[in-house]
């Protein structure tokens, strides 16, 4: 568990908030099928990555802030960039592996639709 309020903790919380916003936007977005189901999958994977971060922080049940008006792909790219800038191993969180997961999600989001997919709020 990562307990101190360090720069690393703040960056991980920011990343968790981005991933939470991506999940929310992906699940509530009403793009045409079959892309909708691909986007729901991206949202589910973002939610799972967010959960891994919160578990590492010891805050599994604590809700994340949902950021309004974000572009899903841009948020995923920002989350991946933030994770890439961190040490490879932050206690029990493998940031390199998590960054690869989030980068893959960003590529998937780009493949689903070339135009920005934004949150509704």
C-alpha atoms as a PDB file:
ATOM      1  CA  UNK A   1       0.000   0.000   0.000  1.00  0.00           C
ATOM      2  CA  UNK A   2       1.278   3.476  -0.853  1.00  0.00           C
ATOM      3  CA  UNK A   3       0.391   5.641   2.110  1.00  0.00           C
ATOM      4  CA  UNK A   4       2.215   8.962   2.034  1.00  0.00           C
ATOM      5  CA  UNK A   5       0.880  11.953   0.095  1.00  0.00           C
ATOM      6  CA  UNK A   6       3.781  12.257  -2.331  1.00  0.00           C
ATOM      7  CA  UNK A   7       4.019  13.473  -5.899  1.00  0.00           C
ATOM      8  CA  UNK A   8       3.702   9.831  -6.958  1.00  0.00           C
ATOM      9  CA  UNK A   9       0.431   9.464  -5.038  1.00  0.00           C
ATOM     10  CA  UNK A  10      -0.938  12.662  -6.592  1.00  0.00           C
ATOM     11  CA  UNK A  11      -0.003  11.450 -10.080  1.00  0.00           C
ATOM     12  CA  UNK A  12      -1.586   8.058  -9.451  1.00  0.00           C
ATOM     13  CA  UNK A  13      -4.801   9.720  -8.179  1.00  0.00           C
ATOM     14  CA  UNK A  14      -4.844  11.950 -11.279  1.00  0.00           C
ATOM     15  CA  UNK A  15      -4.429   8.868 -13.472  1.00  0.00           C
ATOM     16  CA  UNK A  16      -7.210   7.065 -11.577  1.00  0.00           C
ATOM     17  CA  UNK A  17      -9.496  10.089 -12.089  1.00  0.00           C
ATOM     18  CA  UNK A  18      -8.729  10.103 -15.822  1.00  0.00           C
ATOM     19  CA  UNK A  19      -9.448   6.381 -16.093  1.00  0.00           C
ATOM     20  CA  UNK A  20     -12.664   6.790 -14.095  1.00  0.00           C
ATOM     21  CA  UNK A  21     -13.782   9.530 -16.489  1.00  0.00           C
ATOM     22  CA  UNK A  22     -12.930   7.348 -19.488  1.00  0.00           C
ATOM     23  CA  UNK A  23     -14.980   4.469 -18.063  1.00  0.00           C
ATOM     24  CA  UNK A  24     -17.942   6.742 -17.354  1.00  0.00           C
ATOM     25  CA  UNK A  25     -17.815   8.303 -20.842  1.00  0.00           C
ATOM     26  CA  UNK A  26     -17.388   4.952 -22.569  1.00  0.00           C
ATOM     27  CA  UNK A  27     -20.312   3.357 -20.779  1.00  0.00           C
ATOM     28  CA  UNK A  28     -22.697   6.278 -21.298  1.00  0.00           C
ATOM     29  CA  UNK A  29     -21.713   7.245 -24.842  1.00  0.00           C
ATOM     30  CA  UNK A  30     -24.297   6.499 -27.503  1.00  0.00           C
ATOM     31  CA  UNK A  31     -22.200   5.939 -30.623  1.00  0.00           C
ATOM     32  CA  UNK A  32     -23.560   3.517 -33.239  1.00  0.00           C
ATOM     33  CA  UNK A  33     -22.998  -0.233 -32.867  1.00  0.00           C
ATOM     34  CA  UNK A  34     -20.733  -2.207 -33.259  1.00  0.00           C
ATOM     35  CA  UNK A  35     -18.299   0.524 -32.152  1.00  0.00           C
ATOM     36  CA  UNK A  36     -20.410   1.020 -29.011  1.00  0.00           C
ATOM     37  CA  UNK A  37     -19.492  -2.439 -27.730  1.00  0.00           C
ATOM     38  CA  UNK A  38     -15.809  -1.848 -28.463  1.00  0.00           C
ATOM     39  CA  UNK A  39     -16.040   1.431 -26.559  1.00  0.00           C
ATOM     40  CA  UNK A  40     -17.743  -0.330 -23.638  1.00  0.00           C
ATOM     41  CA  UNK A  41     -14.826  -2.792 -23.592  1.00  0.00           C
ATOM     42  CA  UNK A  42     -12.377   0.137 -23.442  1.00  0.00           C
ATOM     43  CA  UNK A  43     -14.400   1.571 -20.566  1.00  0.00           C
ATOM     44  CA  UNK A  44     -14.338  -1.708 -18.686  1.00  0.00           C
ATOM     45  CA  UNK A  45     -10.565  -2.043 -19.134  1.00  0.00           C
ATOM     46  CA  UNK A  46     -10.087   1.582 -17.976  1.00  0.00           C
ATOM     47  CA  UNK A  47     -12.190   0.813 -14.907  1.00  0.00           C
ATOM     48  CA  UNK A  48     -10.054  -2.260 -14.121  1.00  0.00           C
ATOM     49  CA  UNK A  49      -6.820  -0.260 -14.497  1.00  0.00           C
ATOM     50  CA  UNK A  50      -8.298   2.407 -12.190  1.00  0.00           C
ATOM     51  CA  UNK A  51      -9.154  -0.293  -9.656  1.00  0.00           C
ATOM     52  CA  UNK A  52      -5.557  -1.586  -9.736  1.00  0.00           C
ATOM     53  CA  UNK A  53      -4.258   1.907  -8.999  1.00  0.00           C
ATOM     54  CA  UNK A  54      -6.678   2.440  -6.119  1.00  0.00           C
ATOM     55  CA  UNK A  55      -5.818  -0.986  -4.695  1.00  0.00           C
ATOM     56  CA  UNK A  56      -2.130  -0.032  -4.738  1.00  0.00           C
ATOM     57  CA  UNK A  57      -2.981   3.225  -2.997  1.00  0.00           C
ATOM     58  CA  UNK A  58      -5.044   1.343  -0.421  1.00  0.00           C
ATOM     59  CA  UNK A  59      -8.162   3.242  -1.408  1.00  0.00           C
ATOM     60  CA  UNK A  60     -10.129   0.540  -3.212  1.00  0.00           C
ATOM     61  CA  UNK A  61     -13.591   1.791  -2.331  1.00  0.00           C
ATOM     62  CA  UNK A  62     -12.890   5.518  -2.453  1.00  0.00           C
ATOM     63  CA  UNK A  63     -14.712   7.109  -5.395  1.00  0.00           C
ATOM     64  CA  UNK A  64     -12.781   8.962  -8.039  1.00  0.00           C
ATOM     65  CA  UNK A  65     -13.662  12.337  -9.422  1.00  0.00           C
ATOM     66  CA  UNK A  66     -15.301  12.243 -12.862  1.00  0.00           C
ATOM     67  CA  UNK A  67     -13.777  14.905 -15.066  1.00  0.00           C
ATOM     68  CA  UNK A  68     -16.203  16.559 -17.451  1.00  0.00           C
ATOM     69  CA  UNK A  69     -15.744  17.310 -21.119  1.00  0.00           C
ATOM     70  CA  UNK A  70     -12.701  15.106 -21.693  1.00  0.00           C
ATOM     71  CA  UNK A  71     -11.796  13.362 -24.932  1.00  0.00           C
ATOM     72  CA  UNK A  72     -11.535   9.632 -24.179  1.00  0.00           C
ATOM     73  CA  UNK A  73      -8.486   9.051 -26.372  1.00  0.00           C
ATOM     74  CA  UNK A  74      -6.672  12.139 -25.073  1.00  0.00           C
ATOM     75  CA  UNK A  75      -7.420  11.138 -21.463  1.00  0.00           C
ATOM     76  CA  UNK A  76      -6.058   7.635 -22.062  1.00  0.00           C
ATOM     77  CA  UNK A  77      -2.934   9.062 -23.713  1.00  0.00           C
ATOM     78  CA  UNK A  78      -2.418  11.465 -20.792  1.00  0.00           C
ATOM     79  CA  UNK A  79      -2.872   8.623 -18.287  1.00  0.00           C
ATOM     80  CA  UNK A  80      -0.336   6.471 -20.182  1.00  0.00           C
ATOM     81  CA  UNK A  81       2.136   9.363 -20.351  1.00  0.00           C
ATOM     82  CA  UNK A  82       1.787   9.986 -16.603  1.00  0.00           C
ATOM     83  CA  UNK A  83       2.401   6.317 -15.836  1.00  0.00           C
ATOM     84  CA  UNK A  84       5.409   6.199 -18.184  1.00  0.00           C
ATOM     85  CA  UNK A  85       7.024   9.040 -16.250  1.00  0.00           C
ATOM     86  CA  UNK A  86       6.854   7.119 -12.951  1.00  0.00           C
ATOM     87  CA  UNK A  87       9.309   4.580 -11.587  1.00  0.00           C
ATOM     88  CA  UNK A  88       8.734   1.097 -13.019  1.00  0.00           C
ATOM     89  CA  UNK A  89       7.729  -0.358  -9.680  1.00  0.00           C
ATOM     90  CA  UNK A  90       5.782   1.697  -7.165  1.00  0.00           C
ATOM     91  CA  UNK A  91       5.494  -0.651  -4.189  1.00  0.00           C
ATOM     92  CA  UNK A  92       2.958  -3.246  -5.379  1.00  0.00           C
ATOM     93  CA  UNK A  93       2.007  -1.518  -8.654  1.00  0.00           C
ATOM     94  CA  UNK A  94       3.900  -2.358 -11.840  1.00  0.00           C
ATOM     95  CA  UNK A  95       3.591   1.007 -13.574  1.00  0.00           C
ATOM     96  CA  UNK A  96       5.359  -0.158 -16.738  1.00  0.00           C
ATOM     97  CA  UNK A  97       2.818  -2.930 -17.306  1.00  0.00           C
ATOM     98  CA  UNK A  98      -0.066  -0.628 -16.387  1.00  0.00           C
ATOM     99  CA  UNK A  99       1.231   2.025 -18.809  1.00  0.00           C
ATOM    100  CA  UNK A 100       1.313  -0.591 -21.588  1.00  0.00           C
ATOM    101  CA  UNK A 101      -2.315  -1.528 -20.815  1.00  0.00           C
ATOM    102  CA  UNK A 102      -3.464   2.100 -20.894  1.00  0.00           C
ATOM    103  CA  UNK A 103      -1.499   2.854 -24.083  1.00  0.00           C
ATOM    104  CA  UNK A 104      -3.156  -0.137 -25.723  1.00  0.00           C
ATOM    105  CA  UNK A 105      -6.559   1.219 -24.672  1.00  0.00           C
ATOM    106  CA  UNK A 106      -5.710   4.597 -26.227  1.00  0.00           C
ATOM    107  CA  UNK A 107      -4.845   2.883 -29.516  1.00  0.00           C
ATOM    108  CA  UNK A 108      -8.107   0.933 -29.335  1.00  0.00           C
ATOM    109  CA  UNK A 109     -10.097   4.124 -28.762  1.00  0.00           C
ATOM    110  CA  UNK A 110      -8.487   5.725 -31.829  1.00  0.00           C
ATOM    111  CA  UNK A 111      -9.359   2.654 -33.910  1.00  0.00           C
ATOM    112  CA  UNK A 112     -13.002   2.739 -32.809  1.00  0.00           C
ATOM    113  CA  UNK A 113     -13.669   6.219 -34.121  1.00  0.00           C
ATOM    114  CA  UNK A 114     -11.347   8.846 -35.557  1.00  0.00           C
ATOM    115  CA  UNK A 115     -13.309  11.778 -34.093  1.00  0.00           C
ATOM    116  CA  UNK A 116     -12.995  12.727 -30.414  1.00  0.00           C
ATOM    117  CA  UNK A 117     -15.345  10.928 -28.049  1.00  0.00           C
ATOM    118  CA  UNK A 118     -16.106  13.310 -25.204  1.00  0.00           C
ATOM    119  CA  UNK A 119     -17.766  12.923 -21.853  1.00  0.00           C
ATOM    120  CA  UNK A 120     -21.344  14.146 -21.684  1.00  0.00           C
ATOM    121  CA  UNK A 121     -21.060  16.172 -18.508  1.00  0.00           C
END
